Amino acid sequence: MGYTLNFAAVWRSFDDLLLGLALSLALAFGSILIGAVIGLCTAFGLISKNGLIKRPAGIYVSIIRNTPILVLVLFTYFALPQWGLRLGKIESFVFTLSLYSGAYLAEVFRAGLLSIPAGLREAGLAIGLTEMQIRTSIIAPLMFRNILPSLGSTIISLFKDTSLAAAIAVPELTFETRKINVETFRVIETWMVASCLYVFTCSILAALMRIVERRLALPR
């Protein structure tokens, strides 16, 4: 009960926390960009009538979504080198988080694709558009608008998941916080500041997503 708050040691290392936060954001957005490509391709596979495409897509989503992400991170970094696939810490984590986000985004995209009226495809074919043109020019933009709320939640969730990179010593925000904690023994102060940085960043991301939603909202 005699613990006295003293943030001086944390402020001296605050630059390290900001660098860790910047890396966390880079990990999140890099993984989301790659994961979005994986997720969109997988979503088209999930709604395909071809079993040779639909079944592997479903297996991928099922395995990834039902495996804890920490297990995936550790498996990629420690187990894959035994099979000859050795990646650096950052590359390994981005690879894992991309696969993980791809599986979750696949379900988000699938719901968005199913919300598009089937008549739009026939209309596109009627005016001479190819299947690829219909998907890229008509279906994808409408789907993106429909899934924005779910997409925003997924982005924020994946940003928080970057904290698991500390398990393989990637110097993101949680790793830097733990490092400062060990060096200064200021347990409450270090984790309090880190929590505030996470909350502040997530709030900014949520606000930005709401702005995008309002800009792209259809007029009523």
C-alpha atoms as a PDB file:
ATOM      1  CA  MET A   1       0.000   0.000   0.000  1.00  0.00           C
ATOM      2  CA  GLY A   2       3.053   2.260   0.181  1.00  0.00           C
ATOM      3  CA  TYR A   3       3.521   2.369  -3.608  1.00  0.00           C
ATOM      4  CA  THR A   4       3.939   5.933  -4.905  1.00  0.00           C
ATOM      5  CA  LEU A   5       3.374   6.758  -8.555  1.00  0.00           C
ATOM      6  CA  ASN A   6       6.421   8.170 -10.314  1.00  0.00           C
ATOM      7  CA  PHE A   7       6.247   8.542 -14.100  1.00  0.00           C
ATOM      8  CA  ALA A   8       9.714  10.087 -14.506  1.00  0.00           C
ATOM      9  CA  ALA A   9      11.363   6.831 -15.597  1.00  0.00           C
ATOM     10  CA  VAL A  10       8.576   6.179 -18.109  1.00  0.00           C
ATOM     11  CA  TRP A  11       8.830   9.660 -19.620  1.00  0.00           C
ATOM     12  CA  ARG A  12      12.571   9.201 -20.101  1.00  0.00           C
ATOM     13  CA  SER A  13      11.832   6.178 -22.293  1.00  0.00           C
ATOM     14  CA  PHE A  14       8.664   7.561 -23.866  1.00  0.00           C
ATOM     15  CA  ASP A  15      10.350   7.795 -27.283  1.00  0.00           C
ATOM     16  CA  ASP A  16      10.856   4.025 -27.202  1.00  0.00           C
ATOM     17  CA  LEU A  17       7.147   3.561 -26.533  1.00  0.00           C
ATOM     18  CA  LEU A  18       6.259   5.797 -29.485  1.00  0.00           C
ATOM     19  CA  LEU A  19       8.624   3.840 -31.739  1.00  0.00           C
ATOM     20  CA  GLY A  20       6.977   0.645 -30.515  1.00  0.00           C
ATOM     21  CA  LEU A  21       3.551   2.125 -31.246  1.00  0.00           C
ATOM     22  CA  ALA A  22       4.667   3.102 -34.753  1.00  0.00           C
ATOM     23  CA  LEU A  23       5.873  -0.446 -35.378  1.00  0.00           C
ATOM     24  CA  SER A  24       2.579  -1.839 -34.042  1.00  0.00           C
ATOM     25  CA  LEU A  25       0.662   0.306 -36.533  1.00  0.00           C
ATOM     26  CA  ALA A  26       2.980  -0.726 -39.362  1.00  0.00           C
ATOM     27  CA  LEU A  27       2.536  -4.409 -38.475  1.00  0.00           C
ATOM     28  CA  ALA A  28      -1.236  -3.995 -38.340  1.00  0.00           C
ATOM     29  CA  PHE A  29      -1.687  -2.122 -41.605  1.00  0.00           C
ATOM     30  CA  GLY A  30       0.831  -4.254 -43.505  1.00  0.00           C
ATOM     31  CA  SER A  31      -0.952  -7.402 -42.358  1.00  0.00           C
ATOM     32  CA  ILE A  32      -4.395  -5.964 -43.110  1.00  0.00           C
ATOM     33  CA  LEU A  33      -3.421  -5.014 -46.664  1.00  0.00           C
ATOM     34  CA  ILE A  34      -2.083  -8.495 -47.372  1.00  0.00           C
ATOM     35  CA  GLY A  35      -4.923 -10.102 -45.442  1.00  0.00           C
ATOM     36  CA  ALA A  36      -7.512  -8.141 -47.416  1.00  0.00           C
ATOM     37  CA  VAL A  37      -6.219  -9.628 -50.672  1.00  0.00           C
ATOM     38  CA  ILE A  38      -6.225 -13.121 -49.143  1.00  0.00           C
ATOM     39  CA  GLY A  39      -9.661 -12.549 -47.618  1.00  0.00           C
ATOM     40  CA  LEU A  40     -11.254 -11.255 -50.816  1.00  0.00           C
ATOM     41  CA  CYS A  41      -9.935 -14.169 -52.874  1.00  0.00           C
ATOM     42  CA  THR A  42     -11.069 -16.587 -50.170  1.00  0.00           C
ATOM     43  CA  ALA A  43     -14.510 -14.950 -49.987  1.00  0.00           C
ATOM     44  CA  PHE A  44     -15.037 -15.479 -53.713  1.00  0.00           C
ATOM     45  CA  GLY A  45     -13.953 -19.071 -53.134  1.00  0.00           C
ATOM     46  CA  LEU A  46     -16.447 -19.530 -50.294  1.00  0.00           C
ATOM     47  CA  ILE A  47     -19.375 -18.456 -52.484  1.00  0.00           C
ATOM     48  CA  SER A  48     -18.123 -20.391 -55.511  1.00  0.00           C
ATOM     49  CA  LYS A  49     -20.202 -23.273 -56.810  1.00  0.00           C
ATOM     50  CA  ASN A  50     -17.021 -25.153 -57.688  1.00  0.00           C
ATOM     51  CA  GLY A  51     -16.254 -27.608 -54.900  1.00  0.00           C
ATOM     52  CA  LEU A  52     -12.541 -27.690 -55.772  1.00  0.00           C
ATOM     53  CA  ILE A  53     -12.387 -23.981 -54.923  1.00  0.00           C
ATOM     54  CA  LYS A  54     -14.984 -23.768 -52.175  1.00  0.00           C
ATOM     55  CA  ARG A  55     -13.736 -26.685 -50.073  1.00  0.00           C
ATOM     56  CA  PRO A  56     -10.085 -25.556 -49.654  1.00  0.00           C
ATOM     57  CA  ALA A  57     -11.277 -22.021 -48.895  1.00  0.00           C
ATOM     58  CA  GLY A  58     -13.587 -23.353 -46.185  1.00  0.00           C
ATOM     59  CA  ILE A  59     -10.843 -25.538 -44.686  1.00  0.00           C
ATOM     60  CA  TYR A  60      -8.424 -22.581 -44.532  1.00  0.00           C
ATOM     61  CA  VAL A  61     -10.978 -20.351 -42.795  1.00  0.00           C
ATOM     62  CA  SER A  62     -11.999 -23.094 -40.370  1.00  0.00           C
ATOM     63  CA  ILE A  63      -8.431 -23.974 -39.331  1.00  0.00           C
ATOM     64  CA  ILE A  64      -7.214 -20.404 -38.895  1.00  0.00           C
ATOM     65  CA  ARG A  65     -10.326 -19.125 -37.102  1.00  0.00           C
ATOM     66  CA  ASN A  66     -10.285 -22.027 -34.647  1.00  0.00           C
ATOM     67  CA  THR A  67      -6.589 -21.812 -33.764  1.00  0.00           C
ATOM     68  CA  PRO A  68      -5.430 -19.244 -31.162  1.00  0.00           C
ATOM     69  CA  ILE A  69      -3.356 -16.562 -32.843  1.00  0.00           C
ATOM     70  CA  LEU A  70      -0.573 -16.936 -30.270  1.00  0.00           C
ATOM     71  CA  VAL A  71      -0.235 -20.602 -31.266  1.00  0.00           C
ATOM     72  CA  LEU A  72      -0.039 -19.566 -34.923  1.00  0.00           C
ATOM     73  CA  VAL A  73       2.637 -16.961 -34.141  1.00  0.00           C
ATOM     74  CA  LEU A  74       4.776 -19.442 -32.215  1.00  0.00           C
ATOM     75  CA  PHE A  75       4.245 -22.181 -34.812  1.00  0.00           C
ATOM     76  CA  THR A  76       5.328 -19.916 -37.672  1.00  0.00           C
ATOM     77  CA  TYR A  77       8.422 -18.621 -35.919  1.00  0.00           C
ATOM     78  CA  PHE A  78       9.631 -21.776 -34.162  1.00  0.00           C
ATOM     79  CA  ALA A  79       8.193 -24.719 -36.116  1.00  0.00           C
ATOM     80  CA  LEU A  80       8.398 -23.677 -39.773  1.00  0.00           C
ATOM     81  CA  PRO A  81      12.235 -23.372 -39.660  1.00  0.00           C
ATOM     82  CA  GLN A  82      12.290 -27.104 -38.963  1.00  0.00           C
ATOM     83  CA  TRP A  83      10.811 -27.517 -42.460  1.00  0.00           C
ATOM     84  CA  GLY A  84      13.304 -25.130 -44.031  1.00  0.00           C
ATOM     85  CA  LEU A  85      11.135 -21.984 -44.002  1.00  0.00           C
ATOM     86  CA  ARG A  86      13.018 -19.506 -41.832  1.00  0.00           C
ATOM     87  CA  LEU A  87      11.666 -15.959 -41.542  1.00  0.00           C
ATOM     88  CA  GLY A  88      12.797 -12.960 -39.534  1.00  0.00           C
ATOM     89  CA  LYS A  89      10.806 -11.898 -36.479  1.00  0.00           C
ATOM     90  CA  ILE A  90       8.889  -9.125 -38.215  1.00  0.00           C
ATOM     91  CA  GLU A  91       8.386 -11.059 -41.450  1.00  0.00           C
ATOM     92  CA  SER A  92       7.198 -14.098 -39.490  1.00  0.00           C
ATOM     93  CA  PHE A  93       4.648 -12.080 -37.535  1.00  0.00           C
ATOM     94  CA  VAL A  94       3.348 -10.214 -40.597  1.00  0.00           C
ATOM     95  CA  PHE A  95       2.988 -13.546 -42.408  1.00  0.00           C
ATOM     96  CA  THR A  96       1.015 -15.007 -39.501  1.00  0.00           C
ATOM     97  CA  LEU A  97      -1.186 -11.971 -38.908  1.00  0.00           C
ATOM     98  CA  SER A  98      -1.896 -11.720 -42.652  1.00  0.00           C
ATOM     99  CA  LEU A  99      -3.137 -15.317 -42.749  1.00  0.00           C
ATOM    100  CA  TYR A 100      -5.132 -14.722 -39.567  1.00  0.00           C
ATOM    101  CA  SER A 101      -6.707 -11.490 -40.805  1.00  0.00           C
ATOM    102  CA  GLY A 102      -7.365 -13.076 -44.192  1.00  0.00           C
ATOM    103  CA  ALA A 103      -9.508 -15.779 -42.588  1.00  0.00           C
ATOM    104  CA  TYR A 104     -11.571 -13.279 -40.601  1.00  0.00           C
ATOM    105  CA  LEU A 105     -11.861 -10.814 -43.459  1.00  0.00           C
ATOM    106  CA  ALA A 106     -12.982 -13.656 -45.730  1.00  0.00           C
ATOM    107  CA  GLU A 107     -16.147 -14.015 -43.648  1.00  0.00           C
ATOM    108  CA  VAL A 108     -16.632 -10.242 -43.597  1.00  0.00           C
ATOM    109  CA  PHE A 109     -16.225 -10.063 -47.378  1.00  0.00           C
ATOM    110  CA  ARG A 110     -18.434 -13.108 -47.901  1.00  0.00           C
ATOM    111  CA  ALA A 111     -21.274 -11.437 -45.987  1.00  0.00           C
ATOM    112  CA  GLY A 112     -20.736  -8.303 -48.068  1.00  0.00           C
ATOM    113  CA  LEU A 113     -20.794 -10.231 -51.326  1.00  0.00           C
ATOM    114  CA  LEU A 114     -23.997 -12.032 -50.372  1.00  0.00           C
ATOM    115  CA  SER A 115     -25.624  -8.660 -49.652  1.00  0.00           C
ATOM    116  CA  ILE A 116     -25.194  -7.578 -53.304  1.00  0.00           C
ATOM    117  CA  PRO A 117     -28.380  -8.156 -55.375  1.00  0.00           C
ATOM    118  CA  ALA A 118     -27.868 -10.910 -57.952  1.00  0.00           C
ATOM    119  CA  GLY A 119     -29.504  -8.726 -60.574  1.00  0.00           C
ATOM    120  CA  LEU A 120     -26.449  -6.464 -60.703  1.00  0.00           C
ATOM    121  CA  ARG A 121     -24.358  -9.279 -62.150  1.00  0.00           C
ATOM    122  CA  GLU A 122     -26.924  -9.983 -64.838  1.00  0.00           C
ATOM    123  CA  ALA A 123     -27.135  -6.275 -65.618  1.00  0.00           C
ATOM    124  CA  GLY A 124     -23.366  -6.124 -66.016  1.00  0.00           C
ATOM    125  CA  LEU A 125     -23.357  -9.113 -68.334  1.00  0.00           C
ATOM    126  CA  ALA A 126     -26.184  -7.557 -70.339  1.00  0.00           C
ATOM    127  CA  ILE A 127     -24.121  -4.465 -71.138  1.00  0.00           C
ATOM    128  CA  GLY A 128     -21.108  -6.549 -72.158  1.00  0.00           C
ATOM    129  CA  LEU A 129     -18.931  -6.516 -69.023  1.00  0.00           C
ATOM    130  CA  THR A 130     -16.742  -9.513 -68.258  1.00  0.00           C
ATOM    131  CA  GLU A 131     -16.944 -11.353 -64.929  1.00  0.00           C
ATOM    132  CA  MET A 132     -13.718  -9.670 -63.781  1.00  0.00           C
ATOM    133  CA  GLN A 133     -15.012  -6.221 -64.728  1.00  0.00           C
ATOM    134  CA  ILE A 134     -18.262  -6.860 -62.870  1.00  0.00           C
ATOM    135  CA  ARG A 135     -16.396  -7.930 -59.737  1.00  0.00           C
ATOM    136  CA  THR A 136     -13.917  -5.038 -59.736  1.00  0.00           C
ATOM    137  CA  SER A 137     -16.186  -2.223 -60.993  1.00  0.00           C
ATOM    138  CA  ILE A 138     -19.575  -3.082 -59.495  1.00  0.00           C
ATOM    139  CA  ILE A 139     -19.519  -5.778 -56.826  1.00  0.00           C
ATOM    140  CA  ALA A 140     -16.308  -4.850 -54.951  1.00  0.00           C
ATOM    141  CA  PRO A 141     -17.143  -1.132 -54.429  1.00  0.00           C
ATOM    142  CA  LEU A 142     -20.686  -1.908 -53.239  1.00  0.00           C
ATOM    143  CA  MET A 143     -19.435  -4.696 -50.979  1.00  0.00           C
ATOM    144  CA  PHE A 144     -16.790  -2.404 -49.474  1.00  0.00           C
ATOM    145  CA  ARG A 145     -19.431   0.184 -48.580  1.00  0.00           C
ATOM    146  CA  ASN A 146     -21.641  -2.473 -46.949  1.00  0.00           C
ATOM    147  CA  ILE A 147     -18.903  -3.982 -44.801  1.00  0.00           C
ATOM    148  CA  LEU A 148     -17.277  -0.787 -43.516  1.00  0.00           C
ATOM    149  CA  PRO A 149     -18.554  -1.136 -39.902  1.00  0.00           C
ATOM    150  CA  SER A 150     -17.352  -4.742 -39.661  1.00  0.00           C
ATOM    151  CA  LEU A 151     -14.108  -3.882 -41.418  1.00  0.00           C
ATOM    152  CA  GLY A 152     -13.412  -1.087 -38.940  1.00  0.00           C
ATOM    153  CA  SER A 153     -13.911  -3.428 -35.988  1.00  0.00           C
ATOM    154  CA  THR A 154     -11.585  -5.986 -37.569  1.00  0.00           C
ATOM    155  CA  ILE A 155      -8.854  -3.390 -38.148  1.00  0.00           C
ATOM    156  CA  ILE A 156      -8.990  -2.259 -34.513  1.00  0.00           C
ATOM    157  CA  SER A 157      -8.976  -5.843 -33.277  1.00  0.00           C
ATOM    158  CA  LEU A 158      -5.952  -6.707 -35.428  1.00  0.00           C
ATOM    159  CA  PHE A 159      -4.086  -3.641 -34.204  1.00  0.00           C
ATOM    160  CA  LYS A 160      -4.532  -4.881 -30.633  1.00  0.00           C
ATOM    161  CA  ASP A 161      -3.414  -8.361 -31.719  1.00  0.00           C
ATOM    162  CA  THR A 162      -0.011  -6.925 -32.665  1.00  0.00           C
ATOM    163  CA  SER A 163       0.783  -7.025 -28.936  1.00  0.00           C
ATOM    164  CA  LEU A 164       1.312 -10.778 -29.377  1.00  0.00           C
ATOM    165  CA  ALA A 165       4.422 -10.030 -31.436  1.00  0.00           C
ATOM    166  CA  ALA A 166       6.152  -9.471 -28.093  1.00  0.00           C
ATOM    167  CA  ALA A 167       6.116 -13.267 -27.692  1.00  0.00           C
ATOM    168  CA  ILE A 168       8.833 -13.523 -30.366  1.00  0.00           C
ATOM    169  CA  ALA A 169      10.654 -10.330 -29.289  1.00  0.00           C
ATOM    170  CA  VAL A 170       9.389  -8.009 -32.011  1.00  0.00           C
ATOM    171  CA  PRO A 171      10.012  -4.511 -30.537  1.00  0.00           C
ATOM    172  CA  GLU A 172       6.433  -3.240 -30.789  1.00  0.00           C
ATOM    173  CA  LEU A 173       4.575  -1.355 -28.056  1.00  0.00           C
ATOM    174  CA  THR A 174       3.985  -4.230 -25.634  1.00  0.00           C
ATOM    175  CA  PHE A 175       7.572  -5.465 -25.942  1.00  0.00           C
ATOM    176  CA  GLU A 176       8.960  -1.980 -25.308  1.00  0.00           C
ATOM    177  CA  THR A 177       6.617  -1.550 -22.339  1.00  0.00           C
ATOM    178  CA  ARG A 178       7.745  -4.820 -20.819  1.00  0.00           C
ATOM    179  CA  LYS A 179      11.369  -3.844 -21.394  1.00  0.00           C
ATOM    180  CA  ILE A 180      10.925  -0.498 -19.597  1.00  0.00           C
ATOM    181  CA  ASN A 181       9.039  -2.259 -16.796  1.00  0.00           C
ATOM    182  CA  VAL A 182      11.921  -4.703 -16.245  1.00  0.00           C
ATOM    183  CA  GLU A 183      14.505  -1.909 -16.289  1.00  0.00           C
ATOM    184  CA  THR A 184      12.676   0.526 -13.999  1.00  0.00           C
ATOM    185  CA  PHE A 185      10.371  -1.705 -11.878  1.00  0.00           C
ATOM    186  CA  ARG A 186       7.628   0.930 -12.352  1.00  0.00           C
ATOM    187  CA  VAL A 187       4.923  -1.660 -13.000  1.00  0.00           C
ATOM    188  CA  ILE A 188       1.805   0.481 -12.689  1.00  0.00           C
ATOM    189  CA  GLU A 189       3.185   3.499 -14.523  1.00  0.00           C
ATOM    190  CA  THR A 190       4.561   1.643 -17.543  1.00  0.00           C
ATOM    191  CA  TRP A 191       1.466  -0.446 -18.180  1.00  0.00           C
ATOM    192  CA  MET A 192      -0.815   2.500 -17.463  1.00  0.00           C
ATOM    193  CA  VAL A 193       0.930   4.605 -20.127  1.00  0.00           C
ATOM    194  CA  ALA A 194       0.914   1.703 -22.607  1.00  0.00           C
ATOM    195  CA  SER A 195      -2.799   1.159 -22.016  1.00  0.00           C
ATOM    196  CA  CYS A 196      -3.475   4.845 -22.642  1.00  0.00           C
ATOM    197  CA  LEU A 197      -1.529   4.679 -25.912  1.00  0.00           C
ATOM    198  CA  TYR A 198      -3.546   1.655 -27.047  1.00  0.00           C
ATOM    199  CA  VAL A 199      -6.864   3.282 -26.078  1.00  0.00           C
ATOM    200  CA  PHE A 200      -5.935   6.578 -27.737  1.00  0.00           C
ATOM    201  CA  THR A 201      -4.817   4.886 -30.960  1.00  0.00           C
ATOM    202  CA  CYS A 202      -7.898   2.656 -31.139  1.00  0.00           C
ATOM    203  CA  SER A 203     -10.115   5.693 -30.565  1.00  0.00           C
ATOM    204  CA  ILE A 204      -8.414   7.533 -33.435  1.00  0.00           C
ATOM    205  CA  LEU A 205      -8.818   4.517 -35.728  1.00  0.00           C
ATOM    206  CA  ALA A 206     -12.502   4.238 -34.797  1.00  0.00           C
ATOM    207  CA  ALA A 207     -13.041   7.947 -35.468  1.00  0.00           C
ATOM    208  CA  LEU A 208     -11.344   7.694 -38.859  1.00  0.00           C
ATOM    209  CA  MET A 209     -13.504   4.722 -39.812  1.00  0.00           C
ATOM    210  CA  ARG A 210     -16.658   6.641 -38.845  1.00  0.00           C
ATOM    211  CA  ILE A 211     -15.547   9.519 -41.082  1.00  0.00           C
ATOM    212  CA  VAL A 212     -15.030   7.107 -43.992  1.00  0.00           C
ATOM    213  CA  GLU A 213     -18.445   5.545 -43.336  1.00  0.00           C
ATOM    214  CA  ARG A 214     -20.142   8.961 -43.451  1.00  0.00           C
ATOM    215  CA  ARG A 215     -18.303   9.928 -46.638  1.00  0.00           C
ATOM    216  CA  LEU A 216     -19.293   6.736 -48.427  1.00  0.00           C
ATOM    217  CA  ALA A 217     -22.818   6.445 -47.051  1.00  0.00           C
ATOM    218  CA  LEU A 218     -25.540   6.318 -49.670  1.00  0.00           C
ATOM    219  CA  PRO A 219     -27.919   9.315 -49.627  1.00  0.00           C
ATOM    220  CA  ARG A 220     -31.263   8.531 -48.019  1.00  0.00           C
END
